[in-house]
Amino acid sequence: ARLGLARTLHFAGLLGPALQSLAPFFTTPEI
């Protein structure tokens, strides 16, 4: 669902929100 939301926002041209939706995947080096 998170990947789908990021892709949707990307295709809609909402690039800042699209990156923000991916942020939980990159919170720490381990994650």
Full PDB file with SEQRES, HELIX, SHEET, SSBOND, CRYST1, ORIGX, SCALE, CONECT and MASTER records, all heavy atoms in Angstrom:
SEQRES   1 A   31  ALA ARG LEU GLY LEU ALA ARG THR LEU HIS PHE ALA GLY          
SEQRES   2 A   31  LEU LEU GLY PRO ALA LEU GLN SER LEU ALA PRO PHE PHE          
SEQRES   3 A   31  THR THR PRO GLU ILE                                          
HELIX    1 AA1 ARG A    2  PHE A   11  1                                  10    
HELIX    2 AA2 LEU A   15  LEU A   22  1                                   8    
HELIX    3 AA3 ALA A   23  PHE A   26  5                                   4    
CRYST1    1.000    1.000    1.000  90.00  90.00  90.00 P 1           1          
ORIGX1      1.000000  0.000000  0.000000        0.00000                         
ORIGX2      0.000000  1.000000  0.000000        0.00000                         
ORIGX3      0.000000  0.000000  1.000000        0.00000                         
SCALE1      1.000000  0.000000  0.000000        0.00000                         
SCALE2      0.000000  1.000000  0.000000        0.00000                         
SCALE3      0.000000  0.000000  1.000000        0.00000                         
ATOM      1  N   ALA A   1       0.831  -1.207   0.000  1.00  0.00           N  
ATOM      2  CA  ALA A   1       0.000   0.000   0.000  1.00  0.00           C  
ATOM      3  C   ALA A   1       0.869   1.263   0.000  1.00  0.00           C  
ATOM      4  O   ALA A   1       0.559   2.244  -0.682  1.00  0.00           O  
ATOM      5  CB  ALA A   1      -0.929  -0.003   1.209  1.00  0.00           C  
ATOM      6  N   ARG A   2       1.960   1.230   0.773  1.00  0.00           N  
ATOM      7  CA  ARG A   2       2.836   2.404   0.826  1.00  0.00           C  
ATOM      8  C   ARG A   2       3.504   2.649  -0.527  1.00  0.00           C  
ATOM      9  O   ARG A   2       3.605   3.787  -1.003  1.00  0.00           O  
ATOM     10  CB  ARG A   2       3.889   2.229   1.924  1.00  0.00           C  
ATOM     11  CG  ARG A   2       4.731   3.473   2.144  1.00  0.00           C  
ATOM     12  CD  ARG A   2       5.480   3.410   3.466  1.00  0.00           C  
ATOM     13  NE  ARG A   2       4.569   3.385   4.602  1.00  0.00           N  
ATOM     14  CZ  ARG A   2       3.895   4.423   5.071  1.00  0.00           C  
ATOM     15  NH1 ARG A   2       4.029   5.610   4.490  1.00  0.00           N  
ATOM     16  NH2 ARG A   2       3.105   4.292   6.111  1.00  0.00           N  
ATOM     17  N   LEU A   3       3.961   1.581  -1.150  1.00  0.00           N  
ATOM     18  CA  LEU A   3       4.561   1.726  -2.481  1.00  0.00           C  
ATOM     19  C   LEU A   3       3.525   2.197  -3.495  1.00  0.00           C  
ATOM     20  O   LEU A   3       3.811   3.031  -4.361  1.00  0.00           O  
ATOM     21  CB  LEU A   3       5.167   0.390  -2.927  1.00  0.00           C  
ATOM     22  CG  LEU A   3       6.425  -0.059  -2.179  1.00  0.00           C  
ATOM     23  CD1 LEU A   3       6.776  -1.497  -2.563  1.00  0.00           C  
ATOM     24  CD2 LEU A   3       7.596   0.870  -2.506  1.00  0.00           C  
ATOM     25  N   GLY A   4       2.317   1.674  -3.384  1.00  0.00           N  
ATOM     26  CA  GLY A   4       1.257   2.090  -4.300  1.00  0.00           C  
ATOM     27  C   GLY A   4       0.910   3.557  -4.133  1.00  0.00           C  
ATOM     28  O   GLY A   4       0.682   4.270  -5.121  1.00  0.00           O  
ATOM     29  N   LEU A   5       0.877   4.037  -2.896  1.00  0.00           N  
ATOM     30  CA  LEU A   5       0.586   5.454  -2.652  1.00  0.00           C  
ATOM     31  C   LEU A   5       1.697   6.329  -3.229  1.00  0.00           C  
ATOM     32  O   LEU A   5       1.423   7.352  -3.868  1.00  0.00           O  
ATOM     33  CB  LEU A   5       0.437   5.703  -1.152  1.00  0.00           C  
ATOM     34  CG  LEU A   5       0.185   7.162  -0.756  1.00  0.00           C  
ATOM     35  CD1 LEU A   5      -1.100   7.686  -1.391  1.00  0.00           C  
ATOM     36  CD2 LEU A   5       0.134   7.302   0.768  1.00  0.00           C  
ATOM     37  N   ALA A   6       2.964   5.935  -3.011  1.00  0.00           N  
ATOM     38  CA  ALA A   6       4.082   6.715  -3.541  1.00  0.00           C  
ATOM     39  C   ALA A   6       4.016   6.781  -5.069  1.00  0.00           C  
ATOM     40  O   ALA A   6       4.210   7.846  -5.672  1.00  0.00           O  
ATOM     41  CB  ALA A   6       5.408   6.093  -3.098  1.00  0.00           C  
ATOM     42  N   ARG A   7       3.725   5.657  -5.685  1.00  0.00           N  
ATOM     43  CA  ARG A   7       3.651   5.626  -7.151  1.00  0.00           C  
ATOM     44  C   ARG A   7       2.492   6.494  -7.650  1.00  0.00           C  
ATOM     45  O   ARG A   7       2.618   7.212  -8.643  1.00  0.00           O  
ATOM     46  CB  ARG A   7       3.500   4.182  -7.607  1.00  0.00           C  
ATOM     47  CG  ARG A   7       3.770   3.952  -9.083  1.00  0.00           C  
ATOM     48  CD  ARG A   7       3.911   2.482  -9.398  1.00  0.00           C  
ATOM     49  NE  ARG A   7       5.119   1.934  -8.819  1.00  0.00           N  
ATOM     50  CZ  ARG A   7       5.149   0.964  -7.911  1.00  0.00           C  
ATOM     51  NH1 ARG A   7       4.024   0.444  -7.457  1.00  0.00           N  
ATOM     52  NH2 ARG A   7       6.294   0.511  -7.447  1.00  0.00           N  
ATOM     53  N   THR A   8       1.381   6.440  -6.951  1.00  0.00           N  
ATOM     54  CA  THR A   8       0.219   7.240  -7.348  1.00  0.00           C  
ATOM     55  C   THR A   8       0.526   8.732  -7.270  1.00  0.00           C  
ATOM     56  O   THR A   8       0.237   9.501  -8.194  1.00  0.00           O  
ATOM     57  CB  THR A   8      -0.985   6.911  -6.443  1.00  0.00           C  
ATOM     58  OG1 THR A   8      -1.304   5.529  -6.581  1.00  0.00           O  
ATOM     59  CG2 THR A   8      -2.193   7.753  -6.825  1.00  0.00           C  
ATOM     60  N   LEU A   9       1.120   9.154  -6.150  1.00  0.00           N  
ATOM     61  CA  LEU A   9       1.461  10.568  -5.980  1.00  0.00           C  
ATOM     62  C   LEU A   9       2.500  11.009  -7.014  1.00  0.00           C  
ATOM     63  O   LEU A   9       2.438  12.117  -7.541  1.00  0.00           O  
ATOM     64  CB  LEU A   9       1.979  10.803  -4.566  1.00  0.00           C  
ATOM     65  CG  LEU A   9       0.956  10.575  -3.447  1.00  0.00           C  
ATOM     66  CD1 LEU A   9       1.636  10.621  -2.085  1.00  0.00           C  
ATOM     67  CD2 LEU A   9      -0.169  11.602  -3.520  1.00  0.00           C  
ATOM     68  N   HIS A  10       3.438  10.118  -7.322  1.00  0.00           N  
ATOM     69  CA  HIS A  10       4.441  10.391  -8.344  1.00  0.00           C  
ATOM     70  C   HIS A  10       3.765  10.645  -9.684  1.00  0.00           C  
ATOM     71  O   HIS A  10       4.017  11.652 -10.347  1.00  0.00           O  
ATOM     72  CB  HIS A  10       5.403   9.203  -8.419  1.00  0.00           C  
ATOM     73  CG  HIS A  10       6.394   9.263  -9.534  1.00  0.00           C  
ATOM     74  ND1 HIS A  10       7.205   8.193  -9.862  1.00  0.00           N  
ATOM     75  CD2 HIS A  10       6.704  10.238 -10.426  1.00  0.00           C  
ATOM     76  CE1 HIS A  10       7.972   8.521 -10.876  1.00  0.00           C  
ATOM     77  NE2 HIS A  10       7.684   9.751 -11.238  1.00  0.00           N  
ATOM     78  N   PHE A  11       2.898   9.727 -10.102  1.00  0.00           N  
ATOM     79  CA  PHE A  11       2.234   9.857 -11.398  1.00  0.00           C  
ATOM     80  C   PHE A  11       1.346  11.101 -11.445  1.00  0.00           C  
ATOM     81  O   PHE A  11       1.154  11.695 -12.506  1.00  0.00           O  
ATOM     82  CB  PHE A  11       1.394   8.623 -11.702  1.00  0.00           C  
ATOM     83  CG  PHE A  11       2.199   7.366 -11.921  1.00  0.00           C  
ATOM     84  CD1 PHE A  11       1.572   6.130 -12.003  1.00  0.00           C  
ATOM     85  CD2 PHE A  11       3.574   7.408 -12.025  1.00  0.00           C  
ATOM     86  CE1 PHE A  11       2.301   4.976 -12.202  1.00  0.00           C  
ATOM     87  CE2 PHE A  11       4.321   6.253 -12.217  1.00  0.00           C  
ATOM     88  CZ  PHE A  11       3.681   5.024 -12.302  1.00  0.00           C  
ATOM     89  N   ALA A  12       0.823  11.493 -10.300  1.00  0.00           N  
ATOM     90  CA  ALA A  12      -0.036  12.674 -10.236  1.00  0.00           C  
ATOM     91  C   ALA A  12       0.777  13.969 -10.203  1.00  0.00           C  
ATOM     92  O   ALA A  12       0.203  15.060 -10.202  1.00  0.00           O  
ATOM     93  CB  ALA A  12      -0.946  12.605  -9.022  1.00  0.00           C  
ATOM     94  N   GLY A  13       2.104  13.846 -10.157  1.00  0.00           N  
ATOM     95  CA  GLY A  13       2.956  15.032 -10.135  1.00  0.00           C  
ATOM     96  C   GLY A  13       3.179  15.619  -8.767  1.00  0.00           C  
ATOM     97  O   GLY A  13       3.771  16.698  -8.641  1.00  0.00           O  
ATOM     98  N   LEU A  14       2.755  14.929  -7.718  1.00  0.00           N  
ATOM     99  CA  LEU A  14       2.937  15.403  -6.344  1.00  0.00           C  
ATOM    100  C   LEU A  14       4.220  14.786  -5.793  1.00  0.00           C  
ATOM    101  O   LEU A  14       4.207  13.855  -4.976  1.00  0.00           O  
ATOM    102  CB  LEU A  14       1.720  15.031  -5.486  1.00  0.00           C  
ATOM    103  CG  LEU A  14       0.382  15.570  -6.014  1.00  0.00           C  
ATOM    104  CD1 LEU A  14      -0.779  14.986  -5.212  1.00  0.00           C  
ATOM    105  CD2 LEU A  14       0.369  17.095  -5.955  1.00  0.00           C  
ATOM    106  N   LEU A  15       5.351  15.307  -6.232  1.00  0.00           N  
ATOM    107  CA  LEU A  15       6.623  14.634  -5.999  1.00  0.00           C  
ATOM    108  C   LEU A  15       7.092  14.737  -4.548  1.00  0.00           C  
ATOM    109  O   LEU A  15       7.648  13.771  -4.009  1.00  0.00           O  
ATOM    110  CB  LEU A  15       7.677  15.214  -6.950  1.00  0.00           C  
ATOM    111  CG  LEU A  15       7.298  15.124  -8.435  1.00  0.00           C  
ATOM    112  CD1 LEU A  15       8.413  15.732  -9.302  1.00  0.00           C  
ATOM    113  CD2 LEU A  15       7.027  13.690  -8.865  1.00  0.00           C  
ATOM    114  N   GLY A  16       6.889  15.894  -3.918  1.00  0.00           N  
ATOM    115  CA  GLY A  16       7.261  16.007  -2.500  1.00  0.00           C  
ATOM    116  C   GLY A  16       6.495  15.021  -1.633  1.00  0.00           C  
ATOM    117  O   GLY A  16       7.102  14.243  -0.872  1.00  0.00           O  
ATOM    118  N   PRO A  17       5.156  15.006  -1.708  1.00  0.00           N  
ATOM    119  CA  PRO A  17       4.394  14.019  -0.948  1.00  0.00           C  
ATOM    120  C   PRO A  17       4.752  12.581  -1.316  1.00  0.00           C  
ATOM    121  O   PRO A  17       4.705  11.682  -0.456  1.00  0.00           O  
ATOM    122  CB  PRO A  17       2.938  14.343  -1.309  1.00  0.00           C  
ATOM    123  CG  PRO A  17       2.966  15.800  -1.642  1.00  0.00           C  
ATOM    124  CD  PRO A  17       4.282  16.023  -2.322  1.00  0.00           C  
ATOM    125  N   ALA A  18       5.090  12.340  -2.572  1.00  0.00           N  
ATOM    126  CA  ALA A  18       5.459  10.988  -2.980  1.00  0.00           C  
ATOM    127  C   ALA A  18       6.707  10.523  -2.239  1.00  0.00           C  
ATOM    128  O   ALA A  18       6.763   9.401  -1.709  1.00  0.00           O  
ATOM    129  CB  ALA A  18       5.683  10.934  -4.490  1.00  0.00           C  
ATOM    130  N   LEU A  19       7.728  11.393  -2.170  1.00  0.00           N  
ATOM    131  CA  LEU A  19       8.935  11.032  -1.427  1.00  0.00           C  
ATOM    132  C   LEU A  19       8.646  10.878   0.063  1.00  0.00           C  
ATOM    133  O   LEU A  19       9.173   9.979   0.731  1.00  0.00           O  
ATOM    134  CB  LEU A  19      10.011  12.099  -1.634  1.00  0.00           C  
ATOM    135  CG  LEU A  19      10.927  11.954  -2.845  1.00  0.00           C  
ATOM    136  CD1 LEU A  19      11.911  13.102  -2.893  1.00  0.00           C  
ATOM    137  CD2 LEU A  19      11.678  10.623  -2.810  1.00  0.00           C  
ATOM    138  N   GLN A  20       7.774  11.767   0.590  1.00  0.00           N  
ATOM    139  CA  GLN A  20       7.452  11.701   2.010  1.00  0.00           C  
ATOM    140  C   GLN A  20       6.766  10.382   2.348  1.00  0.00           C  
ATOM    141  O   GLN A  20       6.986   9.810   3.425  1.00  0.00           O  
ATOM    142  CB  GLN A  20       6.546  12.874   2.390  1.00  0.00           C  
ATOM    143  CG  GLN A  20       6.274  12.980   3.883  1.00  0.00           C  
ATOM    144  CD  GLN A  20       7.543  13.145   4.708  1.00  0.00           C  
ATOM    145  OE1 GLN A  20       8.481  13.825   4.292  1.00  0.00           O  
ATOM    146  NE2 GLN A  20       7.586  12.510   5.876  1.00  0.00           N  
ATOM    147  N   SER A  21       5.965   9.877   1.427  1.00  0.00           N  
ATOM    148  CA  SER A  21       5.269   8.616   1.694  1.00  0.00           C  
ATOM    149  C   SER A  21       6.240   7.444   1.770  1.00  0.00           C  
ATOM    150  O   SER A  21       5.937   6.412   2.380  1.00  0.00           O  
ATOM    151  CB  SER A  21       4.219   8.348   0.611  1.00  0.00           C  
ATOM    152  OG  SER A  21       4.829   8.062  -0.627  1.00  0.00           O  
ATOM    153  N   LEU A  22       7.428   7.597   1.148  1.00  0.00           N  
ATOM    154  CA  LEU A  22       8.441   6.539   1.211  1.00  0.00           C  
ATOM    155  C   LEU A  22       9.346   6.676   2.424  1.00  0.00           C  
ATOM    156  O   LEU A  22      10.146   5.767   2.707  1.00  0.00           O  
ATOM    157  CB  LEU A  22       9.302   6.565  -0.055  1.00  0.00           C  
ATOM    158  CG  LEU A  22       8.625   6.190  -1.376  1.00  0.00           C  
ATOM    159  CD1 LEU A  22       9.589   6.415  -2.528  1.00  0.00           C  
ATOM    160  CD2 LEU A  22       8.157   4.747  -1.359  1.00  0.00           C  
ATOM    161  N   ALA A  23       9.264   7.784   3.148  1.00  0.00           N  
ATOM    162  CA  ALA A  23      10.191   8.066   4.239  1.00  0.00           C  
ATOM    163  C   ALA A  23      10.295   6.943   5.275  1.00  0.00           C  
ATOM    164  O   ALA A  23      11.408   6.660   5.766  1.00  0.00           O  
ATOM    165  CB  ALA A  23       9.821   9.384   4.918  1.00  0.00           C  
ATOM    166  N   PRO A  24       9.194   6.261   5.639  1.00  0.00           N  
ATOM    167  CA  PRO A  24       9.324   5.188   6.637  1.00  0.00           C  
ATOM    168  C   PRO A  24      10.268   4.062   6.226  1.00  0.00           C  
ATOM    169  O   PRO A  24      10.762   3.323   7.085  1.00  0.00           O  
ATOM    170  CB  PRO A  24       7.885   4.674   6.780  1.00  0.00           C  
ATOM    171  CG  PRO A  24       7.039   5.856   6.456  1.00  0.00           C  
ATOM    172  CD  PRO A  24       7.773   6.547   5.353  1.00  0.00           C  
ATOM    173  N   PHE A  25      10.536   3.929   4.915  1.00  0.00           N  
ATOM    174  CA  PHE A  25      11.471   2.896   4.470  1.00  0.00           C  
ATOM    175  C   PHE A  25      12.928   3.285   4.718  1.00  0.00           C  
ATOM    176  O   PHE A  25      13.818   2.447   4.620  1.00  0.00           O  
ATOM    177  CB  PHE A  25      11.304   2.628   2.960  1.00  0.00           C  
ATOM    178  CG  PHE A  25      10.033   1.937   2.586  1.00  0.00           C  
ATOM    179  CD1 PHE A  25       9.164   2.509   1.665  1.00  0.00           C  
ATOM    180  CD2 PHE A  25       9.693   0.704   3.129  1.00  0.00           C  
ATOM    181  CE1 PHE A  25       7.997   1.872   1.299  1.00  0.00           C  
ATOM    182  CE2 PHE A  25       8.521   0.054   2.769  1.00  0.00           C  
ATOM    183  CZ  PHE A  25       7.665   0.639   1.850  1.00  0.00           C  
ATOM    184  N   PHE A  26      13.166   4.579   5.024  1.00  0.00           N  
ATOM    185  CA  PHE A  26      14.547   5.058   5.075  1.00  0.00           C  
ATOM    186  C   PHE A  26      14.851   5.829   6.365  1.00  0.00           C  
ATOM    187  O   PHE A  26      15.665   6.753   6.365  1.00  0.00           O  
ATOM    188  CB  PHE A  26      14.823   5.967   3.865  1.00  0.00           C  
ATOM    189  CG  PHE A  26      14.548   5.313   2.542  1.00  0.00           C  
ATOM    190  CD1 PHE A  26      13.451   5.686   1.777  1.00  0.00           C  
ATOM    191  CD2 PHE A  26      15.372   4.306   2.063  1.00  0.00           C  
ATOM    192  CE1 PHE A  26      13.186   5.075   0.556  1.00  0.00           C  
ATOM    193  CE2 PHE A  26      15.123   3.689   0.850  1.00  0.00           C  
ATOM    194  CZ  PHE A  26      14.028   4.072   0.094  1.00  0.00           C  
ATOM    195  N   THR A  27      14.232   5.458   7.457  1.00  0.00           N  
ATOM    196  CA  THR A  27      14.411   6.211   8.705  1.00  0.00           C  
ATOM    197  C   THR A  27      15.777   5.978   9.342  1.00  0.00           C  
ATOM    198  O   THR A  27      16.342   6.883   9.971  1.00  0.00           O  
ATOM    199  CB  THR A  27      13.315   5.837   9.712  1.00  0.00           C  
ATOM    200  OG1 THR A  27      13.293   4.413   9.863  1.00  0.00           O  
ATOM    201  CG2 THR A  27      11.960   6.325   9.232  1.00  0.00           C  
ATOM    202  N   THR A  28      16.342   4.784   9.225  1.00  0.00           N  
ATOM    203  CA  THR A  28      17.663   4.466   9.778  1.00  0.00           C  
ATOM    204  C   THR A  28      18.410   3.608   8.759  1.00  0.00           C  
ATOM    205  O   THR A  28      17.799   3.007   7.869  1.00  0.00           O  
ATOM    206  CB  THR A  28      17.555   3.654  11.084  1.00  0.00           C  
ATOM    207  OG1 THR A  28      17.008   2.355  10.798  1.00  0.00           O  
ATOM    208  CG2 THR A  28      16.670   4.372  12.106  1.00  0.00           C  
ATOM    209  N   PRO A  29      19.753   3.539   8.877  1.00  0.00           N  
ATOM    210  CA  PRO A  29      20.506   2.686   7.952  1.00  0.00           C  
ATOM    211  C   PRO A  29      20.048   1.232   7.981  1.00  0.00           C  
ATOM    212  O   PRO A  29      20.008   0.569   6.945  1.00  0.00           O  
ATOM    213  CB  PRO A  29      21.952   2.831   8.443  1.00  0.00           C  
ATOM    214  CG  PRO A  29      21.991   4.175   9.094  1.00  0.00           C  
ATOM    215  CD  PRO A  29      20.641   4.347   9.729  1.00  0.00           C  
ATOM    216  N   GLU A  30      19.681   0.743   9.161  1.00  0.00           N  
ATOM    217  CA  GLU A  30      19.258  -0.653   9.271  1.00  0.00           C  
ATOM    218  C   GLU A  30      17.931  -0.876   8.545  1.00  0.00           C  
ATOM    219  O   GLU A  30      17.759  -1.865   7.819  1.00  0.00           O  
ATOM    220  CB  GLU A  30      19.115  -1.055  10.745  1.00  0.00           C  
ATOM    221  CG  GLU A  30      20.416  -1.082  11.530  1.00  0.00           C  
ATOM    222  CD  GLU A  30      20.918   0.323  11.905  1.00  0.00           C  
ATOM    223  OE1 GLU A  30      20.132   1.296  11.775  1.00  0.00           O  
ATOM    224  OE2 GLU A  30      22.082   0.433  12.317  1.00  0.00           O  
ATOM    225  N   ILE A  31      16.992   0.051   8.736  1.00  0.00           N  
ATOM    226  CA  ILE A  31      15.699  -0.079   8.061  1.00  0.00           C  
ATOM    227  C   ILE A  31      15.860   0.106   6.554  1.00  0.00           C  
ATOM    228  O   ILE A  31      15.260  -0.619   5.754  1.00  0.00           O  
ATOM    229  CB  ILE A  31      14.691   0.935   8.628  1.00  0.00           C  
ATOM    230  CG1 ILE A  31      14.337   0.554  10.074  1.00  0.00           C  
ATOM    231  CG2 ILE A  31      13.439   1.008   7.779  1.00  0.00           C  
ATOM    232  CD1 ILE A  31      13.447   1.554  10.773  1.00  0.00           C  
TER     233      ILE A  31                                                      
MASTER        0    0    0    3    0    0    0    6  232    1    0    3          
END                                                                             
